[in-house]
Amino acid sequence: MVPSREAKNADSCLRFLLRIITTPNYASLIELRTRAFAIFITAALAVTIPSTSQAKLKPTGIVGQTVADGGMSVQVRNVQCGLKQIGTGYFVEKALGQFCVITFVMSPSKKKPVSYFSSSQKAITKAGFQAESKSILSDDYKSMLDVNPGTSVLLKVAFDVGPKDPIVIAEFHDSMFSGGVQVDLTKGSYKGK
C-alpha cells in the first residue's frame, strides 16, 4: 500500500520535530516548545483530517436550494464568471485569469451563532481543479463575519481561476475542519426577490 500525501507530510514533519528537539541551537526552551507543538499539531491534523479531494464529495445541492454544513446553512443565489476585475475605488483587484463570484445567503442552521470565513470556502473548476477563495478588500466581500441565530446575510465569495476554466461546483464549510457541502453551480436557479 502506497502511503498518502498527508501521511508522507506528517512523517516529514515528525522527522523535523525530532531534529529540532535534539538540536540545542535555539535561543530559548519556550521557542523550542512552541515550534515543536505547532509542528506536532500540523502533522496530527494532516493525518487525521481528510482533505476534500480525498473524501470526494458529491454535490448535494443546486443553485436556489438550501444546504447545510455543520451549523451553517447556505443558499446559492447567483454565479458570475468571466470578470476581469472586482472591487471598488482603491480596492480594485485584477484577475490573473478570470474571477468567478458566487452570491449566496448564509444563516445559522442551529440555535448558536456561526462564524463565516471566506478562506474556508472552495470551488471546483470545469477541469477538476480545486480553487481557493480570493480575499478582496471591499464591503461586498466579507473575509469573516459572525452571524446570530434567526438572522441571515447575503455574501459574495470570489475565485480567481483560469480564463477558460470556470467553476462548476461550490464547496461550503462552516469551519476549516468541517467536511463541507457541495453545490452544483450548473443546475438549478434562484427564483426569489
N, C-alpha and C. Protein backbone atom coordinates (compact mmCIF):
# COMPACT_ATOMS: atom_id res chain seq x y z
N MET A 1 0.84 -1.18 0.00
CA MET A 1 0.00 0.00 0.00
C MET A 1 0.88 1.25 0.00
N VAL A 2 0.61 2.17 -0.88
CA VAL A 2 1.38 3.40 -1.00
C VAL A 2 0.85 4.41 0.01
N PRO A 3 1.74 5.02 0.84
CA PRO A 3 1.26 6.00 1.81
C PRO A 3 0.70 7.24 1.12
N SER A 4 -0.34 7.84 1.74
CA SER A 4 -0.96 9.03 1.17
C SER A 4 -0.02 10.23 1.28
N ARG A 5 -0.36 11.28 0.54
CA ARG A 5 0.43 12.53 0.59
C ARG A 5 0.43 13.08 2.01
N GLU A 6 -0.73 13.01 2.69
CA GLU A 6 -0.83 13.53 4.04
C GLU A 6 0.06 12.75 5.01
N ALA A 7 0.10 11.42 4.83
CA ALA A 7 0.95 10.59 5.69
C ALA A 7 2.42 10.90 5.47
N LYS A 8 2.83 11.11 4.21
CA LYS A 8 4.22 11.47 3.93
C LYS A 8 4.55 12.83 4.54
N ASN A 9 3.63 13.81 4.43
CA ASN A 9 3.86 15.12 5.04
C ASN A 9 3.97 15.01 6.55
N ALA A 10 3.12 14.21 7.17
CA ALA A 10 3.16 14.03 8.62
C ALA A 10 4.48 13.39 9.02
N ASP A 11 4.94 12.40 8.25
CA ASP A 11 6.20 11.75 8.55
C ASP A 11 7.36 12.73 8.47
N SER A 12 7.39 13.57 7.44
CA SER A 12 8.49 14.54 7.32
C SER A 12 8.40 15.59 8.42
N CYS A 13 7.19 15.98 8.83
CA CYS A 13 7.04 16.93 9.94
C CYS A 13 7.55 16.33 11.24
N LEU A 14 7.24 15.05 11.48
CA LEU A 14 7.70 14.41 12.71
C LEU A 14 9.22 14.25 12.71
N ARG A 15 9.83 13.95 11.56
CA ARG A 15 11.29 13.87 11.49
C ARG A 15 11.92 15.23 11.79
N PHE A 16 11.32 16.30 11.25
CA PHE A 16 11.82 17.65 11.52
C PHE A 16 11.68 17.97 13.00
N LEU A 17 10.58 17.57 13.60
CA LEU A 17 10.34 17.79 15.02
C LEU A 17 11.44 17.12 15.85
N LEU A 18 11.78 15.89 15.52
CA LEU A 18 12.84 15.19 16.26
C LEU A 18 14.18 15.91 16.10
N ARG A 19 14.45 16.44 14.91
CA ARG A 19 15.70 17.17 14.68
C ARG A 19 15.74 18.44 15.53
N ILE A 20 14.59 19.13 15.64
CA ILE A 20 14.53 20.35 16.44
C ILE A 20 14.78 20.03 17.91
N ILE A 21 14.15 18.97 18.41
CA ILE A 21 14.27 18.64 19.82
C ILE A 21 15.70 18.26 20.18
N THR A 22 16.42 17.61 19.28
CA THR A 22 17.78 17.16 19.59
C THR A 22 18.85 18.21 19.26
N THR A 23 18.47 19.35 18.71
CA THR A 23 19.42 20.41 18.39
C THR A 23 19.37 21.50 19.44
N PRO A 24 20.49 21.77 20.14
CA PRO A 24 20.49 22.76 21.22
C PRO A 24 20.77 24.20 20.76
N ASN A 25 20.56 24.53 19.48
CA ASN A 25 20.90 25.85 18.96
C ASN A 25 19.82 26.90 19.15
N TYR A 26 18.69 26.58 19.72
CA TYR A 26 17.62 27.55 19.86
C TYR A 26 17.85 28.46 21.06
N ALA A 27 17.40 29.69 20.92
CA ALA A 27 17.63 30.72 21.94
C ALA A 27 16.95 30.39 23.25
N SER A 28 15.79 29.81 23.20
CA SER A 28 15.09 29.52 24.45
C SER A 28 14.29 28.24 24.35
N LEU A 29 14.06 27.64 25.47
CA LEU A 29 13.26 26.42 25.53
C LEU A 29 11.82 26.70 25.17
N ILE A 30 11.32 27.89 25.49
CA ILE A 30 9.94 28.26 25.17
C ILE A 30 9.75 28.28 23.66
N GLU A 31 10.69 28.87 22.94
CA GLU A 31 10.59 28.90 21.48
C GLU A 31 10.61 27.48 20.92
N LEU A 32 11.46 26.64 21.47
CA LEU A 32 11.56 25.26 21.04
C LEU A 32 10.23 24.53 21.25
N ARG A 33 9.65 24.68 22.44
CA ARG A 33 8.39 24.02 22.73
C ARG A 33 7.28 24.53 21.83
N THR A 34 7.25 25.83 21.59
CA THR A 34 6.21 26.41 20.72
C THR A 34 6.32 25.86 19.31
N ARG A 35 7.53 25.84 18.76
CA ARG A 35 7.72 25.32 17.41
C ARG A 35 7.39 23.83 17.33
N ALA A 36 7.84 23.08 18.33
CA ALA A 36 7.59 21.64 18.34
C ALA A 36 6.09 21.36 18.43
N PHE A 37 5.39 22.10 19.27
CA PHE A 37 3.94 21.91 19.41
C PHE A 37 3.23 22.22 18.10
N ALA A 38 3.60 23.33 17.44
CA ALA A 38 2.97 23.71 16.18
C ALA A 38 3.20 22.65 15.10
N ILE A 39 4.41 22.11 15.03
CA ILE A 39 4.72 21.08 14.05
C ILE A 39 3.96 19.80 14.36
N PHE A 40 3.88 19.45 15.65
CA PHE A 40 3.15 18.25 16.03
C PHE A 40 1.67 18.36 15.67
N ILE A 41 1.05 19.49 15.96
CA ILE A 41 -0.37 19.69 15.65
C ILE A 41 -0.58 19.64 14.14
N THR A 42 0.29 20.28 13.38
CA THR A 42 0.19 20.26 11.92
C THR A 42 0.27 18.84 11.39
N ALA A 43 1.20 18.06 11.91
CA ALA A 43 1.36 16.68 11.46
C ALA A 43 0.15 15.84 11.85
N ALA A 44 -0.36 16.03 13.06
CA ALA A 44 -1.52 15.26 13.52
C ALA A 44 -2.75 15.58 12.67
N LEU A 45 -2.96 16.86 12.36
CA LEU A 45 -4.10 17.25 11.56
C LEU A 45 -3.99 16.70 10.14
N ALA A 46 -2.79 16.67 9.61
CA ALA A 46 -2.60 16.18 8.24
C ALA A 46 -2.97 14.70 8.13
N VAL A 47 -2.77 13.95 9.20
CA VAL A 47 -3.08 12.53 9.18
C VAL A 47 -4.55 12.27 9.48
N THR A 48 -5.13 13.02 10.43
CA THR A 48 -6.47 12.68 10.91
C THR A 48 -7.60 13.36 10.15
N ILE A 49 -7.35 14.50 9.49
CA ILE A 49 -8.42 15.20 8.80
C ILE A 49 -8.26 15.01 7.30
N PRO A 50 -9.18 14.30 6.68
CA PRO A 50 -9.05 14.07 5.24
C PRO A 50 -9.33 15.34 4.47
N SER A 51 -8.60 15.53 3.39
CA SER A 51 -8.87 16.68 2.53
C SER A 51 -10.13 16.38 1.73
N THR A 52 -10.74 17.43 1.18
CA THR A 52 -11.97 17.22 0.42
C THR A 52 -11.70 16.41 -0.83
N SER A 53 -10.48 16.53 -1.38
CA SER A 53 -10.19 15.74 -2.57
C SER A 53 -10.10 14.26 -2.21
N GLN A 54 -9.65 13.94 -0.98
CA GLN A 54 -9.63 12.57 -0.52
C GLN A 54 -11.06 12.05 -0.34
N ALA A 55 -11.89 12.90 0.30
CA ALA A 55 -13.25 12.48 0.62
C ALA A 55 -14.11 12.35 -0.63
N LYS A 56 -13.78 13.05 -1.70
CA LYS A 56 -14.51 13.02 -2.96
C LYS A 56 -16.01 13.20 -2.75
N LEU A 57 -16.34 14.36 -2.24
CA LEU A 57 -17.74 14.71 -2.03
C LEU A 57 -18.47 14.76 -3.36
N LYS A 58 -19.76 14.55 -3.31
CA LYS A 58 -20.61 14.73 -4.48
C LYS A 58 -21.57 15.86 -4.16
N PRO A 59 -21.90 16.68 -5.14
CA PRO A 59 -22.82 17.79 -4.87
C PRO A 59 -24.14 17.29 -4.29
N THR A 60 -24.56 17.92 -3.20
CA THR A 60 -25.83 17.56 -2.57
C THR A 60 -26.89 18.62 -2.84
N GLY A 61 -26.48 19.75 -3.41
CA GLY A 61 -27.43 20.82 -3.67
C GLY A 61 -27.21 21.43 -5.04
N ILE A 62 -28.17 22.29 -5.42
CA ILE A 62 -28.09 23.02 -6.68
C ILE A 62 -28.39 24.50 -6.38
N VAL A 63 -28.19 25.35 -7.34
CA VAL A 63 -28.46 26.78 -7.18
C VAL A 63 -29.93 26.96 -6.78
N GLY A 64 -30.16 27.76 -5.74
CA GLY A 64 -31.51 28.03 -5.27
C GLY A 64 -31.97 27.11 -4.15
N GLN A 65 -31.24 26.03 -3.91
CA GLN A 65 -31.60 25.06 -2.87
C GLN A 65 -30.75 25.32 -1.63
N THR A 66 -31.33 25.20 -0.44
CA THR A 66 -30.60 25.39 0.81
C THR A 66 -29.92 24.10 1.22
N VAL A 67 -28.62 24.19 1.53
CA VAL A 67 -27.83 23.05 2.01
C VAL A 67 -27.16 23.47 3.31
N ALA A 68 -26.71 22.49 4.10
CA ALA A 68 -26.10 22.82 5.39
C ALA A 68 -24.81 22.04 5.60
N ASP A 69 -23.87 22.69 6.26
CA ASP A 69 -22.65 22.05 6.73
C ASP A 69 -22.48 22.46 8.18
N GLY A 70 -22.54 21.50 9.08
CA GLY A 70 -22.41 21.83 10.50
C GLY A 70 -23.50 22.80 10.92
N GLY A 71 -23.10 23.94 11.47
CA GLY A 71 -24.05 24.93 11.94
C GLY A 71 -24.40 26.00 10.93
N MET A 72 -24.00 25.82 9.67
CA MET A 72 -24.20 26.86 8.66
C MET A 72 -25.09 26.37 7.53
N SER A 73 -26.15 27.14 7.21
CA SER A 73 -27.00 26.87 6.05
C SER A 73 -26.66 27.86 4.95
N VAL A 74 -26.65 27.39 3.70
CA VAL A 74 -26.27 28.21 2.56
C VAL A 74 -27.26 28.00 1.43
N GLN A 75 -27.60 29.10 0.76
CA GLN A 75 -28.41 29.03 -0.45
C GLN A 75 -27.73 29.89 -1.51
N VAL A 76 -27.23 29.25 -2.57
CA VAL A 76 -26.58 29.98 -3.66
C VAL A 76 -27.66 30.69 -4.46
N ARG A 77 -27.43 31.98 -4.70
CA ARG A 77 -28.40 32.78 -5.46
C ARG A 77 -27.93 33.07 -6.88
N ASN A 78 -26.62 33.24 -7.05
CA ASN A 78 -26.11 33.63 -8.36
C ASN A 78 -24.64 33.24 -8.50
N VAL A 79 -24.23 32.96 -9.73
CA VAL A 79 -22.82 32.69 -10.05
C VAL A 79 -22.50 33.50 -11.29
N GLN A 80 -21.40 34.23 -11.23
CA GLN A 80 -20.99 35.04 -12.38
C GLN A 80 -19.51 34.82 -12.63
N CYS A 81 -19.17 34.35 -13.81
CA CYS A 81 -17.77 34.14 -14.19
C CYS A 81 -17.40 35.07 -15.34
N GLY A 82 -16.10 35.15 -15.63
CA GLY A 82 -15.63 35.96 -16.75
C GLY A 82 -15.29 37.39 -16.37
N LEU A 83 -15.29 37.69 -15.07
CA LEU A 83 -14.97 39.06 -14.63
C LEU A 83 -13.46 39.28 -14.64
N LYS A 84 -13.03 40.39 -15.21
CA LYS A 84 -11.60 40.72 -15.28
C LYS A 84 -11.11 41.44 -14.03
N GLN A 85 -12.02 42.13 -13.35
CA GLN A 85 -11.67 42.80 -12.10
C GLN A 85 -12.91 42.91 -11.22
N ILE A 86 -12.68 43.01 -9.91
CA ILE A 86 -13.76 43.21 -8.95
C ILE A 86 -13.30 44.18 -7.88
N GLY A 87 -14.24 44.69 -7.11
CA GLY A 87 -13.94 45.68 -6.08
C GLY A 87 -14.29 47.06 -6.56
N THR A 88 -14.10 48.03 -5.67
CA THR A 88 -14.43 49.41 -6.00
C THR A 88 -13.34 50.36 -5.48
N GLY A 89 -13.28 51.53 -6.09
CA GLY A 89 -12.37 52.59 -5.63
C GLY A 89 -10.93 52.14 -5.62
N TYR A 90 -10.29 52.34 -4.47
CA TYR A 90 -8.88 51.97 -4.32
C TYR A 90 -8.68 50.46 -4.19
N PHE A 91 -9.78 49.74 -3.99
CA PHE A 91 -9.69 48.32 -3.72
C PHE A 91 -10.09 47.46 -4.91
N VAL A 92 -9.69 47.86 -6.09
CA VAL A 92 -9.96 47.08 -7.30
C VAL A 92 -8.90 45.99 -7.41
N GLU A 93 -9.37 44.75 -7.60
CA GLU A 93 -8.48 43.60 -7.79
C GLU A 93 -8.59 43.15 -9.24
N LYS A 94 -7.46 42.93 -9.89
CA LYS A 94 -7.45 42.42 -11.26
C LYS A 94 -7.20 40.92 -11.22
N ALA A 95 -7.93 40.20 -12.05
CA ALA A 95 -7.82 38.74 -12.09
C ALA A 95 -6.56 38.30 -12.81
N LEU A 96 -5.96 37.21 -12.34
CA LEU A 96 -4.86 36.59 -13.07
C LEU A 96 -5.42 35.84 -14.27
N GLY A 97 -6.60 35.26 -14.10
CA GLY A 97 -7.31 34.57 -15.19
C GLY A 97 -8.66 35.23 -15.36
N GLN A 98 -9.64 34.73 -14.59
CA GLN A 98 -10.97 35.34 -14.54
C GLN A 98 -11.50 35.18 -13.12
N PHE A 99 -12.31 36.12 -12.69
CA PHE A 99 -12.98 35.97 -11.41
C PHE A 99 -14.32 35.29 -11.63
N CYS A 100 -14.62 34.35 -10.76
CA CYS A 100 -15.95 33.77 -10.66
C CYS A 100 -16.46 34.16 -9.28
N VAL A 101 -17.63 34.78 -9.23
CA VAL A 101 -18.19 35.27 -7.97
C VAL A 101 -19.48 34.53 -7.67
N ILE A 102 -19.54 33.97 -6.47
CA ILE A 102 -20.75 33.29 -6.01
C ILE A 102 -21.45 34.21 -5.01
N THR A 103 -22.72 34.51 -5.25
CA THR A 103 -23.54 35.27 -4.31
C THR A 103 -24.46 34.28 -3.61
N PHE A 104 -24.47 34.32 -2.28
CA PHE A 104 -25.26 33.34 -1.52
C PHE A 104 -25.75 33.95 -0.21
N VAL A 105 -26.77 33.32 0.36
CA VAL A 105 -27.28 33.70 1.67
C VAL A 105 -26.80 32.65 2.66
N MET A 106 -26.25 33.13 3.79
CA MET A 106 -25.77 32.23 4.83
C MET A 106 -26.51 32.56 6.12
N SER A 107 -26.89 31.51 6.85
CA SER A 107 -27.54 31.68 8.14
C SER A 107 -27.19 30.50 9.05
N PRO A 108 -27.26 30.72 10.36
CA PRO A 108 -27.04 29.59 11.27
C PRO A 108 -28.17 28.57 11.13
N SER A 109 -27.82 27.29 11.09
CA SER A 109 -28.84 26.25 10.98
C SER A 109 -29.19 25.67 12.34
N LYS A 110 -28.50 26.14 13.37
CA LYS A 110 -28.77 25.67 14.73
C LYS A 110 -29.04 26.88 15.62
N LYS A 111 -29.21 26.65 16.89
CA LYS A 111 -29.54 27.74 17.81
C LYS A 111 -28.29 28.39 18.40
N LYS A 112 -27.20 28.39 17.63
CA LYS A 112 -25.95 29.02 18.07
C LYS A 112 -25.44 29.93 16.96
N PRO A 113 -24.70 30.98 17.33
CA PRO A 113 -24.09 31.82 16.30
C PRO A 113 -23.10 30.99 15.47
N VAL A 114 -22.88 31.42 14.24
CA VAL A 114 -21.91 30.75 13.38
C VAL A 114 -20.95 31.80 12.85
N SER A 115 -19.69 31.43 12.73
CA SER A 115 -18.67 32.32 12.19
C SER A 115 -18.39 31.91 10.75
N TYR A 116 -18.41 32.89 9.86
CA TYR A 116 -18.14 32.66 8.45
C TYR A 116 -16.72 33.14 8.14
N PHE A 117 -15.96 32.32 7.44
CA PHE A 117 -14.63 32.69 6.97
C PHE A 117 -14.57 32.42 5.48
N SER A 118 -14.30 33.45 4.69
CA SER A 118 -14.23 33.25 3.24
C SER A 118 -13.11 32.30 2.86
N SER A 119 -12.04 32.26 3.68
CA SER A 119 -10.90 31.40 3.37
C SER A 119 -11.23 29.91 3.50
N SER A 120 -12.35 29.56 4.15
CA SER A 120 -12.75 28.16 4.27
C SER A 120 -13.56 27.67 3.08
N GLN A 121 -13.95 28.57 2.19
CA GLN A 121 -14.81 28.21 1.07
C GLN A 121 -13.94 27.83 -0.14
N LYS A 122 -14.39 26.83 -0.87
CA LYS A 122 -13.63 26.30 -2.01
C LYS A 122 -14.54 26.21 -3.23
N ALA A 123 -13.93 26.00 -4.37
CA ALA A 123 -14.69 25.76 -5.61
C ALA A 123 -13.91 24.77 -6.46
N ILE A 124 -14.64 24.08 -7.34
CA ILE A 124 -14.01 23.15 -8.25
C ILE A 124 -14.32 23.62 -9.67
N THR A 125 -13.28 23.68 -10.49
CA THR A 125 -13.44 24.18 -11.85
C THR A 125 -13.91 23.06 -12.78
N LYS A 126 -14.27 23.46 -13.98
CA LYS A 126 -14.73 22.51 -15.00
C LYS A 126 -13.69 21.43 -15.28
N ALA A 127 -12.40 21.81 -15.23
CA ALA A 127 -11.31 20.86 -15.48
C ALA A 127 -11.01 20.00 -14.25
N GLY A 128 -11.68 20.26 -13.11
CA GLY A 128 -11.50 19.44 -11.91
C GLY A 128 -10.50 19.98 -10.91
N PHE A 129 -10.01 21.20 -11.11
CA PHE A 129 -9.06 21.78 -10.16
C PHE A 129 -9.79 22.41 -8.98
N GLN A 130 -9.22 22.28 -7.78
CA GLN A 130 -9.80 22.93 -6.61
C GLN A 130 -9.25 24.35 -6.51
N ALA A 131 -10.14 25.32 -6.33
CA ALA A 131 -9.75 26.72 -6.24
C ALA A 131 -9.99 27.24 -4.82
N GLU A 132 -9.05 28.02 -4.34
CA GLU A 132 -9.18 28.70 -3.05
C GLU A 132 -9.86 30.04 -3.27
N SER A 133 -10.58 30.50 -2.27
CA SER A 133 -11.25 31.80 -2.40
C SER A 133 -10.22 32.92 -2.36
N LYS A 134 -10.56 34.03 -2.94
CA LYS A 134 -9.67 35.19 -3.03
C LYS A 134 -10.14 36.22 -2.00
N SER A 135 -9.22 36.73 -1.19
CA SER A 135 -9.56 37.79 -0.24
C SER A 135 -9.61 39.12 -0.98
N ILE A 136 -10.75 39.78 -0.88
CA ILE A 136 -10.97 41.05 -1.56
C ILE A 136 -11.27 42.12 -0.52
N LEU A 137 -10.59 43.24 -0.60
CA LEU A 137 -10.84 44.35 0.32
C LEU A 137 -11.99 45.18 -0.21
N SER A 138 -13.20 44.83 0.19
CA SER A 138 -14.39 45.53 -0.27
C SER A 138 -15.54 45.17 0.66
N ASP A 139 -16.51 46.08 0.80
CA ASP A 139 -17.67 45.79 1.64
C ASP A 139 -18.50 44.65 1.08
N ASP A 140 -18.44 44.41 -0.23
CA ASP A 140 -19.22 43.35 -0.84
C ASP A 140 -18.67 41.96 -0.52
N TYR A 141 -17.39 41.85 -0.19
CA TYR A 141 -16.73 40.57 0.03
C TYR A 141 -16.21 40.53 1.46
N LYS A 142 -16.92 39.85 2.34
CA LYS A 142 -16.53 39.75 3.75
C LYS A 142 -15.52 38.63 3.93
N SER A 143 -14.43 38.91 4.66
CA SER A 143 -13.45 37.87 4.97
C SER A 143 -13.93 37.00 6.11
N MET A 144 -14.52 37.64 7.11
CA MET A 144 -15.06 36.89 8.24
C MET A 144 -16.23 37.67 8.84
N LEU A 145 -17.15 36.92 9.41
CA LEU A 145 -18.36 37.53 9.92
C LEU A 145 -19.02 36.57 10.90
N ASP A 146 -19.53 37.11 12.01
CA ASP A 146 -20.30 36.31 12.95
C ASP A 146 -21.77 36.58 12.71
N VAL A 147 -22.56 35.51 12.62
CA VAL A 147 -23.99 35.63 12.33
C VAL A 147 -24.78 34.94 13.45
N ASN A 148 -25.72 35.66 14.04
CA ASN A 148 -26.52 35.13 15.14
C ASN A 148 -27.72 34.35 14.64
N PRO A 149 -28.22 33.42 15.44
CA PRO A 149 -29.42 32.65 15.06
C PRO A 149 -30.59 33.58 14.76
N GLY A 150 -31.41 33.18 13.82
CA GLY A 150 -32.58 33.98 13.45
C GLY A 150 -32.28 35.07 12.44
N THR A 151 -31.01 35.21 12.06
CA THR A 151 -30.62 36.22 11.07
C THR A 151 -29.95 35.51 9.90
N SER A 152 -29.83 36.24 8.81
CA SER A 152 -29.10 35.72 7.65
C SER A 152 -28.40 36.90 6.99
N VAL A 153 -27.43 36.59 6.16
CA VAL A 153 -26.65 37.64 5.50
C VAL A 153 -26.37 37.23 4.05
N LEU A 154 -26.44 38.21 3.15
CA LEU A 154 -26.11 37.99 1.74
C LEU A 154 -24.61 38.22 1.58
N LEU A 155 -23.91 37.23 1.08
CA LEU A 155 -22.46 37.29 0.95
C LEU A 155 -22.02 37.01 -0.48
N LYS A 156 -20.79 37.42 -0.77
CA LYS A 156 -20.15 37.10 -2.05
C LYS A 156 -18.78 36.52 -1.74
N VAL A 157 -18.39 35.53 -2.52
CA VAL A 157 -17.06 34.97 -2.42
C VAL A 157 -16.52 34.85 -3.85
N ALA A 158 -15.25 35.23 -4.02
CA ALA A 158 -14.64 35.27 -5.35
C ALA A 158 -13.53 34.23 -5.48
N PHE A 159 -13.39 33.71 -6.70
CA PHE A 159 -12.34 32.75 -7.02
C PHE A 159 -11.64 33.22 -8.28
N ASP A 160 -10.31 33.28 -8.26
CA ASP A 160 -9.53 33.65 -9.43
C ASP A 160 -9.07 32.36 -10.08
N VAL A 161 -9.67 32.03 -11.22
CA VAL A 161 -9.40 30.75 -11.90
C VAL A 161 -8.93 31.00 -13.33
N GLY A 162 -8.55 29.96 -14.01
CA GLY A 162 -8.07 30.07 -15.38
C GLY A 162 -9.09 30.73 -16.30
N PRO A 163 -8.62 31.44 -17.34
CA PRO A 163 -9.52 32.19 -18.20
C PRO A 163 -10.53 31.32 -18.96
N LYS A 164 -10.24 30.05 -19.15
CA LYS A 164 -11.16 29.17 -19.88
C LYS A 164 -11.63 28.00 -19.00
N ASP A 165 -11.55 28.18 -17.69
CA ASP A 165 -11.88 27.11 -16.76
C ASP A 165 -12.77 27.63 -15.62
N PRO A 166 -14.06 27.87 -15.89
CA PRO A 166 -14.95 28.42 -14.87
C PRO A 166 -15.25 27.40 -13.76
N ILE A 167 -15.73 27.90 -12.63
CA ILE A 167 -16.09 27.00 -11.54
C ILE A 167 -17.45 26.36 -11.84
N VAL A 168 -17.60 25.11 -11.43
CA VAL A 168 -18.86 24.39 -11.65
C VAL A 168 -19.44 23.84 -10.35
N ILE A 169 -18.61 23.76 -9.31
CA ILE A 169 -19.06 23.27 -8.01
C ILE A 169 -18.53 24.21 -6.93
N ALA A 170 -19.41 24.60 -6.02
CA ALA A 170 -19.00 25.38 -4.85
C ALA A 170 -18.99 24.44 -3.65
N GLU A 171 -17.98 24.61 -2.79
CA GLU A 171 -17.87 23.78 -1.60
C GLU A 171 -17.86 24.70 -0.39
N PHE A 172 -18.91 24.62 0.42
CA PHE A 172 -19.06 25.49 1.59
C PHE A 172 -18.70 24.75 2.86
N HIS A 173 -17.98 25.44 3.73
CA HIS A 173 -17.54 24.87 5.01
C HIS A 173 -17.90 25.82 6.14
N ASP A 174 -18.43 25.26 7.25
CA ASP A 174 -18.69 26.12 8.39
C ASP A 174 -17.43 26.37 9.20
N SER A 175 -16.37 25.59 8.92
CA SER A 175 -15.05 25.83 9.52
C SER A 175 -14.02 25.16 8.63
N MET A 176 -12.76 25.45 8.88
CA MET A 176 -11.71 24.84 8.06
C MET A 176 -11.60 23.34 8.29
N PHE A 177 -12.20 22.84 9.37
CA PHE A 177 -12.09 21.42 9.69
C PHE A 177 -13.33 20.62 9.32
N SER A 178 -14.36 21.28 8.81
CA SER A 178 -15.60 20.56 8.50
C SER A 178 -15.47 19.80 7.19
N GLY A 179 -16.36 18.83 7.00
CA GLY A 179 -16.35 18.04 5.78
C GLY A 179 -16.82 18.80 4.56
N GLY A 180 -17.65 19.81 4.78
CA GLY A 180 -18.13 20.64 3.68
C GLY A 180 -19.35 20.05 3.00
N VAL A 181 -19.99 20.91 2.23
CA VAL A 181 -21.15 20.50 1.43
C VAL A 181 -20.98 21.15 0.05
N GLN A 182 -21.29 20.39 -1.00
CA GLN A 182 -21.07 20.89 -2.35
C GLN A 182 -22.38 21.24 -3.03
N VAL A 183 -22.31 22.30 -3.85
CA VAL A 183 -23.45 22.76 -4.62
C VAL A 183 -23.05 22.75 -6.10
N ASP A 184 -23.86 22.09 -6.92
CA ASP A 184 -23.63 22.05 -8.36
C ASP A 184 -24.11 23.39 -8.94
N LEU A 185 -23.19 24.18 -9.44
CA LEU A 185 -23.50 25.52 -9.94
C LEU A 185 -24.05 25.52 -11.37
N THR A 186 -24.06 24.35 -12.00
CA THR A 186 -24.57 24.26 -13.38
C THR A 186 -26.05 23.88 -13.42
N LYS A 187 -26.62 23.58 -12.25
CA LYS A 187 -28.02 23.15 -12.19
C LYS A 187 -28.82 24.08 -11.27
N GLY A 188 -30.10 24.18 -11.54
CA GLY A 188 -31.00 24.97 -10.72
C GLY A 188 -30.91 26.45 -11.01
N SER A 189 -31.75 27.20 -10.31
CA SER A 189 -31.74 28.66 -10.42
C SER A 189 -32.45 29.23 -9.21
N TYR A 190 -32.19 30.50 -8.94
CA TYR A 190 -32.84 31.16 -7.82
C TYR A 190 -33.97 32.00 -8.36
N LYS A 191 -35.16 31.77 -7.86
CA LYS A 191 -36.34 32.47 -8.35
C LYS A 191 -36.95 33.30 -7.24
N GLY A 192 -36.13 34.00 -6.48
CA GLY A 192 -36.65 34.81 -5.39
C GLY A 192 -36.57 36.29 -5.70
N LYS A 193 -36.67 37.08 -4.66
CA LYS A 193 -36.63 38.54 -4.80
C LYS A 193 -35.28 39.02 -5.25
